[in-house]
Protein backbone atom coordinates (compact mmCIF):
# COMPACT_ATOMS: atom_id res chain seq x y z
CA UNK A 1 -3.56 -35.70 -45.57
CA UNK A 2 -3.90 -39.37 -47.26
CA UNK A 3 -1.20 -40.85 -48.79
CA UNK A 4 -1.40 -41.16 -52.84
CA UNK A 5 0.60 -43.54 -53.34
CA UNK A 6 0.67 -46.13 -50.78
CA UNK A 7 2.25 -49.26 -52.94
CA UNK A 8 5.49 -46.71 -52.82
CA UNK A 9 5.45 -46.86 -49.30
CA UNK A 10 8.75 -49.08 -47.53
CA UNK A 11 9.85 -49.77 -43.88
CA UNK A 12 11.87 -46.77 -42.83
CA UNK A 13 12.80 -48.70 -39.52
CA UNK A 14 14.58 -51.36 -39.93
CA UNK A 15 15.81 -53.85 -37.45
CA UNK A 16 19.24 -54.74 -36.69
CA UNK A 17 20.96 -58.53 -36.04
CA UNK A 18 20.48 -57.78 -32.43
CA UNK A 19 16.58 -56.74 -32.80
CA UNK A 20 16.88 -52.87 -31.75
CA UNK A 21 15.86 -50.53 -34.47
CA UNK A 22 17.83 -48.41 -36.50
CA UNK A 23 17.08 -45.41 -38.44
CA UNK A 24 17.81 -45.22 -42.27
CA UNK A 25 19.32 -42.48 -43.47
CA UNK A 26 16.89 -40.16 -46.62
CA UNK A 27 18.07 -38.94 -49.37
CA UNK A 28 15.46 -36.15 -50.78
CA UNK A 29 16.50 -35.05 -54.18
CA UNK A 30 14.63 -32.26 -56.36
CA UNK A 31 13.25 -33.16 -59.94
CA UNK A 32 13.86 -30.42 -62.46
CA UNK A 33 17.79 -30.03 -63.34
CA UNK A 34 18.27 -32.19 -60.56
CA UNK A 35 17.72 -35.71 -61.17
CA UNK A 36 16.28 -34.98 -64.96
CA UNK A 37 17.87 -32.33 -67.07
CA UNK A 38 15.45 -29.97 -68.07
CA UNK A 39 16.53 -27.52 -69.36
CA UNK A 40 17.92 -29.32 -72.00
CA UNK A 41 14.62 -30.48 -72.40
CA UNK A 42 13.01 -27.26 -72.86
CA UNK A 43 15.82 -25.77 -75.94
CA UNK A 44 14.66 -29.13 -78.05
CA UNK A 45 10.87 -28.31 -77.61
CA UNK A 46 11.57 -24.90 -78.42
CA UNK A 47 14.12 -25.54 -81.58
CA UNK A 48 10.92 -27.76 -82.44
CA UNK A 49 8.21 -25.44 -81.92
CA UNK A 50 10.35 -22.21 -83.34
CA UNK A 51 10.62 -24.88 -86.08
CA UNK A 52 7.35 -25.89 -86.60
CA UNK A 53 6.00 -22.48 -86.95
CA UNK A 54 8.88 -21.33 -89.00
CA UNK A 55 10.22 -18.64 -86.95
CA UNK A 56 13.89 -18.10 -86.80
CA UNK A 57 16.22 -20.47 -85.00
CA UNK A 58 17.68 -16.82 -83.37
CA UNK A 59 14.56 -16.79 -81.63
CA UNK A 60 15.66 -19.74 -79.45
CA UNK A 61 17.73 -17.02 -76.67
CA UNK A 62 14.45 -15.48 -76.38
CA UNK A 63 12.44 -18.17 -75.27
CA UNK A 64 15.00 -19.78 -73.00
CA UNK A 65 15.32 -16.50 -71.17
CA UNK A 66 11.56 -16.26 -70.76
CA UNK A 67 11.62 -19.62 -69.88
CA UNK A 68 13.49 -19.00 -66.75
CA UNK A 69 14.43 -22.55 -66.20
CA UNK A 70 10.94 -23.59 -65.94
CA UNK A 71 9.78 -21.49 -62.88
CA UNK A 72 7.77 -18.87 -64.70
CA UNK A 73 4.39 -20.01 -65.19
CA UNK A 74 3.67 -21.76 -68.14
CA UNK A 75 1.11 -19.30 -69.01
CA UNK A 76 2.94 -16.38 -68.90
CA UNK A 77 5.58 -18.58 -71.43
CA UNK A 78 3.43 -19.27 -74.25
CA UNK A 79 0.82 -16.34 -73.66
CA UNK A 80 4.11 -14.07 -74.35
CA UNK A 81 4.74 -16.49 -77.23
CA UNK A 82 1.84 -16.39 -78.63
CA UNK A 83 2.01 -11.90 -79.02
CA UNK A 84 5.03 -11.99 -80.11
CA UNK A 85 5.07 -14.26 -82.85
CA UNK A 86 1.30 -13.54 -83.65
CA UNK A 87 -0.14 -17.45 -83.20
CA UNK A 88 -3.69 -18.17 -84.16
CA UNK A 89 -3.45 -20.66 -80.63
CA UNK A 90 -5.08 -20.51 -78.10
CA UNK A 91 -2.70 -20.48 -75.11
CA UNK A 92 -4.50 -23.92 -74.07
CA UNK A 93 -3.76 -25.51 -76.94
CA UNK A 94 -0.08 -24.21 -77.09
CA UNK A 95 0.24 -25.47 -73.22
CA UNK A 96 -1.02 -28.86 -74.72
CA UNK A 97 2.12 -29.02 -77.06
CA UNK A 98 4.12 -27.89 -74.70
CA UNK A 99 3.37 -30.56 -72.35
CA UNK A 100 3.57 -33.76 -74.85
CA UNK A 101 6.85 -31.70 -76.62
CA UNK A 102 8.77 -31.78 -74.00
CA UNK A 103 8.89 -34.76 -71.70
CA UNK A 104 9.25 -36.69 -75.08
CA UNK A 105 13.09 -34.57 -74.78
CA UNK A 106 13.22 -35.69 -70.77
CA UNK A 107 15.57 -38.65 -70.07
CA UNK A 108 17.65 -39.75 -67.38
CA UNK A 109 21.76 -39.80 -68.08
CA UNK A 110 23.18 -42.85 -67.54
CA UNK A 111 25.47 -41.45 -64.64
CA UNK A 112 22.30 -40.19 -62.67
CA UNK A 113 20.59 -43.70 -62.84
CA UNK A 114 24.03 -44.98 -61.40
CA UNK A 115 24.37 -42.72 -58.15
CA UNK A 116 21.16 -43.48 -57.26
CA UNK A 117 21.65 -47.53 -57.30
CA UNK A 118 24.85 -46.66 -55.36
CA UNK A 119 23.14 -44.75 -52.98
CA UNK A 120 20.38 -47.50 -52.60
CA UNK A 121 23.58 -49.97 -52.70
CA UNK A 122 24.58 -48.08 -49.26
CA UNK A 123 21.43 -48.24 -47.49
CA UNK A 124 19.89 -45.01 -48.51
CA UNK A 125 15.93 -44.79 -48.87
CA UNK A 126 15.56 -42.66 -52.05
CA UNK A 127 12.17 -39.86 -52.33
CA UNK A 128 12.09 -37.02 -55.10
CA UNK A 129 10.49 -34.09 -53.84
CA UNK A 130 9.16 -31.58 -56.57
CA UNK A 131 7.10 -28.70 -57.17
CA UNK A 132 4.51 -28.12 -60.14
CA UNK A 133 1.75 -29.62 -61.87
CA UNK A 134 0.93 -33.56 -60.92
CA UNK A 135 0.24 -34.95 -64.24
CA UNK A 136 3.42 -33.85 -65.88
CA UNK A 137 5.68 -34.61 -62.93
CA UNK A 138 4.30 -37.70 -62.41
CA UNK A 139 4.48 -38.64 -66.28
CA UNK A 140 8.30 -37.51 -66.58
CA UNK A 141 9.16 -39.79 -63.49
CA UNK A 142 7.20 -42.62 -64.98
CA UNK A 143 8.77 -42.10 -67.98
CA UNK A 144 11.88 -41.56 -67.58
CA UNK A 145 12.41 -44.79 -64.68
CA UNK A 146 12.61 -43.21 -62.04
CA UNK A 147 8.93 -44.55 -60.34
CA UNK A 148 11.36 -48.16 -60.41
CA UNK A 149 14.68 -46.45 -58.79
CA UNK A 150 13.04 -44.27 -55.90
CA UNK A 151 11.17 -45.18 -52.86
CA UNK A 152 8.23 -42.26 -52.92
CA UNK A 153 8.12 -39.48 -54.56
CA UNK A 154 5.91 -36.24 -53.91
CA UNK A 155 4.91 -33.57 -56.05
CA UNK A 156 3.90 -30.07 -54.95
CA UNK A 157 -0.20 -29.85 -56.80
CA UNK A 158 -1.05 -32.72 -55.05
CA UNK A 159 0.26 -32.54 -51.69
CA UNK A 160 -1.33 -29.12 -51.39
CA UNK A 161 2.23 -27.88 -50.10
CA UNK A 162 5.67 -26.33 -52.17
CA UNK A 163 9.16 -25.78 -51.55
CA UNK A 164 10.16 -24.17 -49.26
CA UNK A 165 7.73 -25.24 -47.05
CA UNK A 166 8.62 -27.58 -44.59
CA UNK A 167 5.53 -29.76 -44.69
CA UNK A 168 6.38 -31.00 -47.98
CA UNK A 169 9.67 -32.62 -46.92
CA UNK A 170 7.51 -33.83 -44.09
CA UNK A 171 5.35 -35.76 -46.67
CA UNK A 172 8.37 -37.12 -48.62
CA UNK A 173 9.44 -38.88 -45.03
CA UNK A 174 5.92 -40.10 -43.84
CA UNK A 175 5.90 -41.79 -47.56
CA UNK A 176 8.84 -43.62 -46.97
CA UNK A 177 7.58 -44.89 -43.82
CA UNK A 178 9.51 -42.44 -41.66
CA UNK A 179 7.64 -40.87 -38.64
CA UNK A 180 8.46 -37.39 -38.31
CA UNK A 181 9.20 -37.60 -34.60
CA UNK A 182 11.90 -36.78 -32.62
CA UNK A 183 15.86 -35.78 -34.77
CA UNK A 184 14.45 -37.95 -37.79
CA UNK A 185 16.00 -34.59 -39.96
CA UNK A 186 19.48 -35.86 -38.16
CA UNK A 187 20.11 -38.53 -40.69
CA UNK A 188 18.22 -37.08 -44.17
CA UNK A 189 19.42 -34.95 -47.00
CA UNK A 190 17.87 -32.74 -49.67
CA UNK A 191 19.51 -31.98 -53.25
CA UNK A 192 18.84 -29.59 -55.73
CA UNK A 193 19.68 -26.70 -57.95
CA UNK A 194 17.38 -24.27 -56.71
CA UNK A 195 18.30 -22.23 -53.87
CA UNK A 196 15.10 -20.79 -53.00
CA UNK A 197 13.43 -23.68 -53.17
CA UNK A 198 15.37 -26.44 -52.15
CA UNK A 199 18.34 -25.28 -50.12
CA UNK A 200 15.96 -22.61 -47.81
CA UNK A 201 13.53 -24.84 -47.80
CA UNK A 202 16.11 -27.48 -46.45
CA UNK A 203 17.44 -24.95 -44.31
CA UNK A 204 14.06 -24.33 -42.54
CA UNK A 205 12.92 -28.06 -42.30
CA UNK A 206 16.25 -28.64 -40.03
CA UNK A 207 18.09 -30.68 -43.09
CA UNK A 208 21.18 -31.08 -44.33
CA UNK A 209 21.17 -30.09 -47.91
CA UNK A 210 23.81 -30.24 -51.18
CA UNK A 211 23.23 -27.09 -53.85
CA UNK A 212 23.66 -28.08 -57.85
CA UNK A 213 25.12 -24.79 -58.83
CA UNK A 214 25.38 -25.99 -62.46
CA UNK A 215 28.54 -23.15 -62.71
CA UNK A 216 26.40 -20.39 -61.08
CA UNK A 217 27.87 -18.32 -58.09
CA UNK A 218 25.71 -18.88 -55.15
CA UNK A 219 23.92 -15.62 -54.71
CA UNK A 220 21.46 -15.78 -51.75
CA UNK A 221 22.72 -13.93 -48.48
CA UNK A 222 20.23 -15.40 -45.41
CA UNK A 223 21.41 -18.84 -45.93
CA UNK A 224 23.93 -21.59 -47.33
CA UNK A 225 23.96 -25.08 -48.32
CA UNK A 226 25.98 -27.24 -46.42
CA UNK A 227 27.79 -28.61 -49.45
CA UNK A 228 27.83 -27.91 -53.38
CA UNK A 229 28.37 -30.47 -56.72
CA UNK A 230 28.73 -29.24 -59.76
CA UNK A 231 26.22 -32.06 -60.77
CA UNK A 232 23.97 -34.60 -59.44
CA UNK A 233 26.86 -37.57 -59.17
CA UNK A 234 29.30 -35.83 -57.29
CA UNK A 235 26.15 -35.01 -54.89
CA UNK A 236 25.56 -38.04 -54.20
CA UNK A 237 28.39 -39.02 -53.90
CA UNK A 238 29.52 -36.43 -51.01
CA UNK A 239 26.51 -37.31 -49.13
CA UNK A 240 27.38 -40.87 -49.03
CA UNK A 241 31.64 -39.67 -47.99
CA UNK A 242 29.85 -37.57 -45.33
CA UNK A 243 29.61 -39.14 -41.68
CA UNK A 244 26.57 -39.03 -40.39
CA UNK A 245 25.82 -37.44 -37.17
CA UNK A 246 25.96 -39.11 -33.84
CA UNK A 247 22.00 -40.39 -32.65
CA UNK A 248 21.14 -38.00 -29.33
CA UNK A 249 19.54 -40.09 -26.39
CA UNK A 250 16.99 -38.45 -23.52
CA UNK A 251 18.37 -40.18 -20.31
CA UNK A 252 14.86 -40.29 -18.23
């Protein structure tokens, strides 16, 4: 496929002092509820939504429940809200209001920025790998300044594939200048909060992973993350502290 962000491509193979080549490690990060506190932004939008439509704040629990952490289609969430509250607005109008409203509440915590800068200082290449619509996700990346902190990003809509499909991780690596051949996954990690997308995707792609548990127990039986962490800074610290596997070689 064509590279949708050629300006974000960076050399992934760097020359050593002796003139040989070595592979820089790659860290691929989920966007919502990993890099960005998306659920907090949704709650802030929902509070404004209720106030604007003169609805009781007690409805906040209903909205956050049906939201499903952002994994329920927005048309389902907003269509159900339209019926529940008897709103004289189309789902399309509600969707436009939602997209504009939630992104005004999105921010990247200072601790997350510091963690990304620490990884860059340690020689890691960084990529965002996100499921979702291209427009809203790229707006979040640019609005929060993440575009200046990472080397590339991939959003499922523009990529034509979504996590847990291994292809989306291949695309992320390629946009960082890494040829996805041989054992390139040996020096790459995935950090994310959603087991079925981030952690399952990492496993089927042959990548190591860190699951952000956010206080939740692990519930999947068929696979597990390599490591777990409460928040992003801890996850990045664990990755940086984990020794890289020994490089393999082929004897001709």
